[in-house]
PDB file of all heavy atoms in Angstrom:
ATOM      1  N   CYS A   1       0.879  -1.231  -0.087  1.00  0.00           N
ATOM      2  CA  CYS A   1      -0.051   0.077  -0.026  1.00  0.00           C
ATOM      3  C   CYS A   1       0.831   1.221   0.010  1.00  0.00           C
ATOM      4  O   CYS A   1       0.365   2.247  -0.517  1.00  0.00           O
ATOM      5  CB  CYS A   1      -0.984  -0.022   1.202  1.00  0.00           C
ATOM      6  SG  CYS A   1      -0.200   0.330   2.747  1.00  0.00           S
ATOM      7  N   MET A   2       2.011   1.199   0.635  1.00  0.00           N
ATOM      8  CA  MET A   2       2.878   2.363   0.671  1.00  0.00           C
ATOM      9  C   MET A   2       3.389   2.766  -0.821  1.00  0.00           C
ATOM     10  O   MET A   2       3.369   3.943  -1.248  1.00  0.00           O
ATOM     11  CB  MET A   2       4.119   2.107   1.497  1.00  0.00           C
ATOM     12  CG  MET A   2       3.706   2.085   2.959  1.00  0.00           C
ATOM     13  SD  MET A   2       5.166   1.946   4.041  1.00  0.00           S
ATOM     14  CE  MET A   2       4.319   1.728   5.635  1.00  0.00           C
ATOM     15  N   THR A   3       3.865   1.826  -1.609  1.00  0.00           N
ATOM     16  CA  THR A   3       4.165   2.087  -2.846  1.00  0.00           C
ATOM     17  C   THR A   3       2.999   2.571  -3.778  1.00  0.00           C
ATOM     18  O   THR A   3       3.220   3.395  -4.567  1.00  0.00           O
ATOM     19  CB  THR A   3       4.798   0.683  -3.525  1.00  0.00           C
ATOM     20  OG1 THR A   3       5.943   0.254  -2.653  1.00  0.00           O
ATOM     21  CG2 THR A   3       5.303   0.999  -4.990  1.00  0.00           C
ATOM     22  N   HIS A   4       1.897   1.842  -3.624  1.00  0.00           N
ATOM     23  CA  HIS A   4       0.675   2.116  -4.293  1.00  0.00           C
ATOM     24  C   HIS A   4       0.292   3.657  -4.010  1.00  0.00           C
ATOM     25  O   HIS A   4      -0.066   4.426  -4.874  1.00  0.00           O
ATOM     26  CB  HIS A   4      -0.437   1.323  -3.919  1.00  0.00           C
ATOM     27  CG  HIS A   4      -1.749   1.592  -4.625  1.00  0.00           C
ATOM     28  ND1 HIS A   4      -1.979   1.562  -5.975  1.00  0.00           N
ATOM     29  CD2 HIS A   4      -2.806   2.216  -4.072  1.00  0.00           C
ATOM     30  CE1 HIS A   4      -3.216   1.967  -6.173  1.00  0.00           C
ATOM     31  NE2 HIS A   4      -3.730   2.487  -5.100  1.00  0.00           N
ATOM     32  N   ALA A   5       0.308   3.986  -2.695  1.00  0.00           N
ATOM     33  CA  ALA A   5       0.024   5.325  -2.263  1.00  0.00           C
ATOM     34  C   ALA A   5       0.903   6.372  -2.894  1.00  0.00           C
ATOM     35  O   ALA A   5       0.418   7.480  -3.181  1.00  0.00           O
ATOM     36  CB  ALA A   5      -0.087   5.454  -0.720  1.00  0.00           C
ATOM     37  N   LEU A   6       2.200   5.971  -2.921  1.00  0.00           N
ATOM     38  CA  LEU A   6       3.086   7.011  -3.525  1.00  0.00           C
ATOM     39  C   LEU A   6       2.904   7.314  -4.897  1.00  0.00           C
ATOM     40  O   LEU A   6       2.957   8.604  -5.234  1.00  0.00           O
ATOM     41  CB  LEU A   6       4.542   6.246  -3.531  1.00  0.00           C
ATOM     42  CG  LEU A   6       5.720   7.100  -4.007  1.00  0.00           C
ATOM     43  CD1 LEU A   6       5.963   8.319  -3.094  1.00  0.00           C
ATOM     44  CD2 LEU A   6       7.034   6.272  -4.024  1.00  0.00           C
ATOM     45  N   TRP A   7       2.467   6.323  -5.719  1.00  0.00           N
ATOM     46  CA  TRP A   7       2.267   6.590  -7.123  1.00  0.00           C
ATOM     47  C   TRP A   7       0.746   6.964  -7.417  1.00  0.00           C
ATOM     48  O   TRP A   7       0.596   7.474  -8.626  1.00  0.00           O
ATOM     49  CB  TRP A   7       2.525   5.357  -7.995  1.00  0.00           C
ATOM     50  CG  TRP A   7       4.062   5.233  -8.052  1.00  0.00           C
ATOM     51  CD1 TRP A   7       4.931   4.580  -7.249  1.00  0.00           C
ATOM     52  CD2 TRP A   7       4.985   5.863  -8.969  1.00  0.00           C
ATOM     53  NE1 TRP A   7       6.258   4.660  -7.639  1.00  0.00           N
ATOM     54  CE2 TRP A   7       6.263   5.486  -8.891  1.00  0.00           C
ATOM     55  CE3 TRP A   7       4.691   6.689 -10.225  1.00  0.00           C
ATOM     56  CZ2 TRP A   7       7.291   5.970  -9.480  1.00  0.00           C
ATOM     57  CZ3 TRP A   7       5.677   7.155 -10.980  1.00  0.00           C
ATOM     58  CH2 TRP A   7       7.026   6.648 -10.600  1.00  0.00           C
ATOM     59  N   SER A   8      -0.080   6.882  -6.531  1.00  0.00           N
ATOM     60  CA  SER A   8      -1.410   7.230  -6.910  1.00  0.00           C
ATOM     61  C   SER A   8      -2.070   8.312  -5.948  1.00  0.00           C
ATOM     62  O   SER A   8      -3.138   8.774  -6.014  1.00  0.00           O
ATOM     63  CB  SER A   8      -2.290   5.899  -6.745  1.00  0.00           C
ATOM     64  OG  SER A   8      -2.346   5.459  -5.501  1.00  0.00           O
ATOM     65  N   GLY A   9      -1.164   8.632  -4.822  1.00  0.00           N
ATOM     66  CA  GLY A   9      -1.582   9.698  -3.847  1.00  0.00           C
ATOM     67  C   GLY A   9      -1.298  11.055  -4.228  1.00  0.00           C
ATOM     68  O   GLY A   9      -1.168  11.466  -5.369  1.00  0.00           O
ATOM     69  N   GLU A  10      -1.174  11.938  -3.174  1.00  0.00           N
ATOM     70  CA  GLU A  10      -1.018  13.289  -3.274  1.00  0.00           C
ATOM     71  C   GLU A  10       0.195  13.737  -4.035  1.00  0.00           C
ATOM     72  O   GLU A  10       0.212  14.683  -4.852  1.00  0.00           O
ATOM     73  CB  GLU A  10      -1.164  13.914  -1.936  1.00  0.00           C
ATOM     74  CG  GLU A  10      -1.164  15.534  -2.095  1.00  0.00           C
ATOM     75  CD  GLU A  10      -1.261  16.013  -0.693  1.00  0.00           C
ATOM     76  OE1 GLU A  10      -1.990  15.485   0.178  1.00  0.00           O
ATOM     77  OE2 GLU A  10      -0.886  17.289  -0.556  1.00  0.00           O
ATOM     78  N   LEU A  11       1.232  12.981  -3.795  1.00  0.00           N
ATOM     79  CA  LEU A  11       2.522  13.463  -4.420  1.00  0.00           C
ATOM     80  C   LEU A  11       2.464  13.218  -5.913  1.00  0.00           C
ATOM     81  O   LEU A  11       3.054  14.026  -6.767  1.00  0.00           O
ATOM     82  CB  LEU A  11       3.649  12.581  -3.751  1.00  0.00           C
ATOM     83  CG  LEU A  11       5.153  12.822  -4.345  1.00  0.00           C
ATOM     84  CD1 LEU A  11       5.502  14.226  -4.077  1.00  0.00           C
ATOM     85  CD2 LEU A  11       6.064  11.850  -3.706  1.00  0.00           C
ATOM     86  N   ALA A  12       1.856  12.071  -6.344  1.00  0.00           N
ATOM     87  CA  ALA A  12       1.897  11.782  -7.670  1.00  0.00           C
ATOM     88  C   ALA A  12       0.932  12.620  -8.430  1.00  0.00           C
ATOM     89  O   ALA A  12       1.038  13.012  -9.631  1.00  0.00           O
ATOM     90  CB  ALA A  12       1.335  10.245  -7.901  1.00  0.00           C
ATOM     91  N   GLU A  13       0.015  13.201  -7.860  1.00  0.00           N
ATOM     92  CA  GLU A  13      -1.049  14.082  -8.314  1.00  0.00           C
ATOM     93  C   GLU A  13      -0.689  15.555  -8.225  1.00  0.00           C
ATOM     94  O   GLU A  13      -1.469  16.486  -8.449  1.00  0.00           O
ATOM     95  CB  GLU A  13      -2.344  13.926  -7.755  1.00  0.00           C
ATOM     96  CG  GLU A  13      -3.078  12.493  -7.808  1.00  0.00           C
ATOM     97  CD  GLU A  13      -3.150  12.144  -9.327  1.00  0.00           C
ATOM     98  OE1 GLU A  13      -3.630  13.025 -10.113  1.00  0.00           O
ATOM     99  OE2 GLU A  13      -2.971  11.034  -9.662  1.00  0.00           O
ATOM    100  N   SER A  14       0.534  15.855  -7.713  1.00  0.00           N
ATOM    101  CA  SER A  14       1.013  17.192  -7.678  1.00  0.00           C
ATOM    102  C   SER A  14       1.439  17.647  -9.081  1.00  0.00           C
ATOM    103  O   SER A  14       2.531  17.523  -9.372  1.00  0.00           O
ATOM    104  CB  SER A  14       2.089  17.291  -6.655  1.00  0.00           C
ATOM    105  OG  SER A  14       1.711  16.882  -5.359  1.00  0.00           O
ATOM    106  N   PHE A  15       0.541  18.371  -9.793  1.00  0.00           N
ATOM    107  CA  PHE A  15       0.750  18.771 -10.976  1.00  0.00           C
ATOM    108  C   PHE A  15       1.214  20.403 -11.008  1.00  0.00           C
ATOM    109  O   PHE A  15       0.840  21.090 -10.054  1.00  0.00           O
ATOM    110  CB  PHE A  15      -0.467  18.640 -11.871  1.00  0.00           C
ATOM    111  CG  PHE A  15      -0.677  17.253 -12.382  1.00  0.00           C
ATOM    112  CD1 PHE A  15      -1.547  16.414 -11.572  1.00  0.00           C
ATOM    113  CD2 PHE A  15      -0.183  16.818 -13.539  1.00  0.00           C
ATOM    114  CE1 PHE A  15      -1.756  15.079 -12.001  1.00  0.00           C
ATOM    115  CE2 PHE A  15      -0.400  15.507 -13.897  1.00  0.00           C
ATOM    116  CZ  PHE A  15      -1.104  14.759 -13.095  1.00  0.00           C
ATOM    117  N   HIS A  16       1.855  20.693 -11.899  1.00  0.00           N
ATOM    118  CA  HIS A  16       2.153  22.114 -12.212  1.00  0.00           C
ATOM    119  C   HIS A  16       0.844  22.639 -12.918  1.00  0.00           C
ATOM    120  O   HIS A  16       0.285  22.135 -13.913  1.00  0.00           O
ATOM    121  CB  HIS A  16       3.274  22.275 -13.243  1.00  0.00           C
ATOM    122  CG  HIS A  16       4.624  21.891 -12.832  1.00  0.00           C
ATOM    123  ND1 HIS A  16       5.567  22.688 -12.278  1.00  0.00           N
ATOM    124  CD2 HIS A  16       5.068  20.606 -12.503  1.00  0.00           C
ATOM    125  CE1 HIS A  16       6.565  22.020 -11.894  1.00  0.00           C
ATOM    126  NE2 HIS A  16       6.400  20.715 -11.884  1.00  0.00           N
ATOM    127  N   GLU A  17       0.238  23.723 -12.439  1.00  0.00           N
ATOM    128  CA  GLU A  17      -0.872  24.255 -12.811  1.00  0.00           C
ATOM    129  C   GLU A  17      -1.001  25.693 -12.747  1.00  0.00           C
ATOM    130  O   GLU A  17      -0.248  26.332 -12.118  1.00  0.00           O
ATOM    131  CB  GLU A  17      -2.078  23.701 -12.187  1.00  0.00           C
ATOM    132  CG  GLU A  17      -2.054  23.795 -10.585  1.00  0.00           C
ATOM    133  CD  GLU A  17      -3.044  23.074  -9.836  1.00  0.00           C
ATOM    134  OE1 GLU A  17      -3.847  22.337 -10.541  1.00  0.00           O
ATOM    135  OE2 GLU A  17      -3.204  23.217  -8.683  1.00  0.00           O
ATOM    136  N   PRO A  18      -1.989  26.348 -13.546  1.00  0.00           N
ATOM    137  CA  PRO A  18      -2.117  27.789 -13.349  1.00  0.00           C
ATOM    138  C   PRO A  18      -2.475  28.339 -12.026  1.00  0.00           C
ATOM    139  O   PRO A  18      -3.224  27.626 -11.345  1.00  0.00           O
ATOM    140  CB  PRO A  18      -3.118  28.062 -14.448  1.00  0.00           C
ATOM    141  CG  PRO A  18      -3.192  27.035 -15.496  1.00  0.00           C
ATOM    142  CD  PRO A  18      -2.839  25.714 -14.522  1.00  0.00           C
ATOM    143  N   SER A  19      -2.023  29.420 -11.681  1.00  0.00           N
ATOM    144  CA  SER A  19      -2.426  29.980 -10.289  1.00  0.00           C
ATOM    145  C   SER A  19      -3.894  30.464 -10.581  1.00  0.00           C
ATOM    146  O   SER A  19      -4.343  30.796 -11.572  1.00  0.00           O
ATOM    147  CB  SER A  19      -1.417  31.048  -9.948  1.00  0.00           C
ATOM    148  OG  SER A  19      -1.498  32.141 -10.733  1.00  0.00           O
ATOM    149  N   SER A  20      -4.452  30.922  -9.333  1.00  0.00           N
ATOM    150  CA  SER A  20      -5.728  31.519  -9.352  1.00  0.00           C
ATOM    151  C   SER A  20      -5.660  32.900  -8.534  1.00  0.00           C
ATOM    152  O   SER A  20      -5.530  32.804  -7.307  1.00  0.00           O
ATOM    153  CB  SER A  20      -6.834  30.516  -8.757  1.00  0.00           C
ATOM    154  OG  SER A  20      -8.039  31.215  -8.714  1.00  0.00           O
ATOM    155  N   PRO A  21      -5.792  33.919  -9.225  1.00  0.00           N
ATOM    156  CA  PRO A  21      -5.987  34.332 -10.704  1.00  0.00           C
ATOM    157  C   PRO A  21      -4.754  33.843 -11.465  1.00  0.00           C
ATOM    158  O   PRO A  21      -3.539  33.975 -10.849  1.00  0.00           O
ATOM    159  CB  PRO A  21      -6.208  35.758 -10.792  1.00  0.00           C
ATOM    160  CG  PRO A  21      -5.718  36.294  -9.552  1.00  0.00           C
ATOM    161  CD  PRO A  21      -5.788  35.284  -8.481  1.00  0.00           C
ATOM    162  N   ASN A  22      -4.789  33.550 -12.763  1.00  0.00           N
ATOM    163  CA  ASN A  22      -3.678  33.105 -13.468  1.00  0.00           C
ATOM    164  C   ASN A  22      -2.975  34.281 -14.184  1.00  0.00           C
ATOM    165  O   ASN A  22      -1.880  34.170 -14.904  1.00  0.00           O
ATOM    166  CB  ASN A  22      -4.104  32.160 -14.600  1.00  0.00           C
ATOM    167  CG  ASN A  22      -5.221  32.670 -15.434  1.00  0.00           C
ATOM    168  OD1 ASN A  22      -5.205  33.839 -15.970  1.00  0.00           O
ATOM    169  ND2 ASN A  22      -6.181  31.695 -15.641  1.00  0.00           N
ATOM    170  N   GLN A  23      -3.493  35.609 -14.249  1.00  0.00           N
ATOM    171  CA  GLN A  23      -2.737  36.706 -14.751  1.00  0.00           C
ATOM    172  C   GLN A  23      -2.388  36.458 -16.150  1.00  0.00           C
ATOM    173  O   GLN A  23      -1.323  36.887 -16.629  1.00  0.00           O
ATOM    174  CB  GLN A  23      -1.535  37.091 -13.879  1.00  0.00           C
ATOM    175  CG  GLN A  23      -1.743  37.347 -12.426  1.00  0.00           C
ATOM    176  CD  GLN A  23      -2.791  38.524 -12.202  1.00  0.00           C
ATOM    177  OE1 GLN A  23      -2.881  39.455 -13.009  1.00  0.00           O
ATOM    178  NE2 GLN A  23      -3.366  38.623 -11.014  1.00  0.00           N
ATOM    179  N   MET A  24      -3.310  35.766 -17.021  1.00  0.00           N
ATOM    180  CA  MET A  24      -3.049  35.594 -18.308  1.00  0.00           C
ATOM    181  C   MET A  24      -3.042  36.788 -19.195  1.00  0.00           C
ATOM    182  O   MET A  24      -3.777  37.669 -19.056  1.00  0.00           O
ATOM    183  CB  MET A  24      -4.191  34.661 -18.931  1.00  0.00           C
ATOM    184  CG  MET A  24      -3.914  34.208 -20.340  1.00  0.00           C
ATOM    185  SD  MET A  24      -4.895  32.782 -20.849  1.00  0.00           S
ATOM    186  CE  MET A  24      -6.488  33.706 -20.627  1.00  0.00           C
ATOM    187  N   ALA A  25      -2.082  36.698 -20.146  1.00  0.00           N
ATOM    188  CA  ALA A  25      -1.845  37.783 -21.074  1.00  0.00           C
ATOM    189  C   ALA A  25      -1.495  37.135 -22.373  1.00  0.00           C
ATOM    190  O   ALA A  25      -0.738  36.230 -22.514  1.00  0.00           O
ATOM    191  CB  ALA A  25      -0.822  38.763 -20.805  1.00  0.00           C
ATOM    192  N   LEU A  26      -2.128  37.546 -23.514  1.00  0.00           N
ATOM    193  CA  LEU A  26      -1.899  37.051 -24.809  1.00  0.00           C
ATOM    194  C   LEU A  26      -1.303  38.085 -25.785  1.00  0.00           C
ATOM    195  O   LEU A  26      -1.598  39.317 -25.737  1.00  0.00           O
ATOM    196  CB  LEU A  26      -3.163  36.600 -25.480  1.00  0.00           C
ATOM    197  CG  LEU A  26      -4.117  35.576 -24.595  1.00  0.00           C
ATOM    198  CD1 LEU A  26      -5.449  35.239 -25.198  1.00  0.00           C
ATOM    199  CD2 LEU A  26      -3.245  34.372 -24.359  1.00  0.00           C
ATOM    200  N   TYR A  27      -0.344  37.714 -26.639  1.00  0.00           N
ATOM    201  CA  TYR A  27       0.203  38.569 -27.569  1.00  0.00           C
ATOM    202  C   TYR A  27       0.176  37.931 -29.057  1.00  0.00           C
ATOM    203  O   TYR A  27       0.416  36.740 -29.108  1.00  0.00           O
ATOM    204  CB  TYR A  27       1.630  38.896 -27.183  1.00  0.00           C
ATOM    205  CG  TYR A  27       1.701  39.624 -25.795  1.00  0.00           C
ATOM    206  CD1 TYR A  27       1.906  38.712 -24.677  1.00  0.00           C
ATOM    207  CD2 TYR A  27       1.820  40.899 -25.729  1.00  0.00           C
ATOM    208  CE1 TYR A  27       1.926  39.264 -23.429  1.00  0.00           C
ATOM    209  CE2 TYR A  27       1.831  41.454 -24.393  1.00  0.00           C
ATOM    210  CZ  TYR A  27       1.925  40.677 -23.344  1.00  0.00           C
ATOM    211  OH  TYR A  27       2.049  41.274 -21.997  1.00  0.00           O
ATOM    212  N   GLU A  28       0.085  38.701 -30.031  1.00  0.00           N
ATOM    213  CA  GLU A  28       0.032  38.296 -31.399  1.00  0.00           C
ATOM    214  C   GLU A  28       1.191  38.609 -32.152  1.00  0.00           C
ATOM    215  O   GLU A  28       1.743  39.684 -32.090  1.00  0.00           O
ATOM    216  CB  GLU A  28      -1.112  38.828 -32.004  1.00  0.00           C
ATOM    217  CG  GLU A  28      -1.599  38.271 -33.398  1.00  0.00           C
ATOM    218  CD  GLU A  28      -2.822  38.877 -33.965  1.00  0.00           C
ATOM    219  OE1 GLU A  28      -3.128  40.002 -33.823  1.00  0.00           O
ATOM    220  OE2 GLU A  28      -3.687  38.035 -34.750  1.00  0.00           O
ATOM    221  N   THR A  29       1.786  37.649 -32.898  1.00  0.00           N
ATOM    222  CA  THR A  29       2.890  37.821 -33.734  1.00  0.00           C
ATOM    223  C   THR A  29       2.528  38.714 -34.911  1.00  0.00           C
ATOM    224  O   THR A  29       1.298  38.649 -35.276  1.00  0.00           O
ATOM    225  CB  THR A  29       3.583  36.474 -34.218  1.00  0.00           C
ATOM    226  OG1 THR A  29       2.521  35.760 -34.958  1.00  0.00           O
ATOM    227  CG2 THR A  29       4.131  35.608 -32.948  1.00  0.00           C
ATOM    228  N   PRO A  30       3.432  39.464 -35.518  1.00  0.00           N
ATOM    229  CA  PRO A  30       2.992  40.308 -36.673  1.00  0.00           C
ATOM    230  C   PRO A  30       2.368  39.628 -37.920  1.00  0.00           C
ATOM    231  O   PRO A  30       1.556  40.151 -38.434  1.00  0.00           O
ATOM    232  CB  PRO A  30       4.527  40.889 -37.061  1.00  0.00           C
ATOM    233  CG  PRO A  30       5.229  40.859 -35.859  1.00  0.00           C
ATOM    234  CD  PRO A  30       4.985  39.615 -35.194  1.00  0.00           C
ATOM    235  N   ASP A  31       2.713  38.437 -38.101  1.00  0.00           N
ATOM    236  CA  ASP A  31       2.131  37.631 -39.217  1.00  0.00           C
ATOM    237  C   ASP A  31       0.770  36.958 -38.831  1.00  0.00           C
ATOM    238  O   ASP A  31       0.260  36.302 -39.634  1.00  0.00           O
ATOM    239  CB  ASP A  31       3.112  36.619 -39.646  1.00  0.00           C
ATOM    240  CG  ASP A  31       3.561  35.664 -38.668  1.00  0.00           C
ATOM    241  OD1 ASP A  31       3.018  35.682 -37.584  1.00  0.00           O
ATOM    242  OD2 ASP A  31       4.449  34.801 -38.972  1.00  0.00           O
ATOM    243  N   ARG A  32       0.418  37.096 -37.505  1.00  0.00           N
ATOM    244  CA  ARG A  32      -0.897  36.527 -37.034  1.00  0.00           C
ATOM    245  C   ARG A  32      -0.887  35.063 -37.126  1.00  0.00           C
ATOM    246  O   ARG A  32      -1.989  34.437 -37.042  1.00  0.00           O
ATOM    247  CB  ARG A  32      -2.044  37.158 -37.727  1.00  0.00           C
ATOM    248  CG  ARG A  32      -2.235  38.567 -37.563  1.00  0.00           C
ATOM    249  CD  ARG A  32      -3.513  39.001 -38.057  1.00  0.00           C
ATOM    250  NE  ARG A  32      -3.720  40.595 -37.719  1.00  0.00           N
ATOM    251  CZ  ARG A  32      -4.812  41.187 -38.200  1.00  0.00           C
ATOM    252  NH1 ARG A  32      -5.743  40.577 -38.965  1.00  0.00           N
ATOM    253  NH2 ARG A  32      -4.867  42.475 -37.805  1.00  0.00           N
ATOM    254  N   CYS A  33       0.320  34.366 -37.160  1.00  0.00           N
ATOM    255  CA  CYS A  33       0.350  32.955 -37.229  1.00  0.00           C
ATOM    256  C   CYS A  33       0.587  32.292 -35.972  1.00  0.00           C
ATOM    257  O   CYS A  33       0.357  31.138 -35.793  1.00  0.00           O
ATOM    258  CB  CYS A  33       1.521  32.543 -38.213  1.00  0.00           C
ATOM    259  SG  CYS A  33       1.227  32.931 -39.880  1.00  0.00           S
TER     260      CYS A  33
END
């Protein structure tokens, strides 16, 4: 259970994710591509 918990528990589910608020900003390249 310890090995299983390691890979399926909180540590394994610790993802990098946007903060809240995420302060998102968008910029367009000159060619709009």
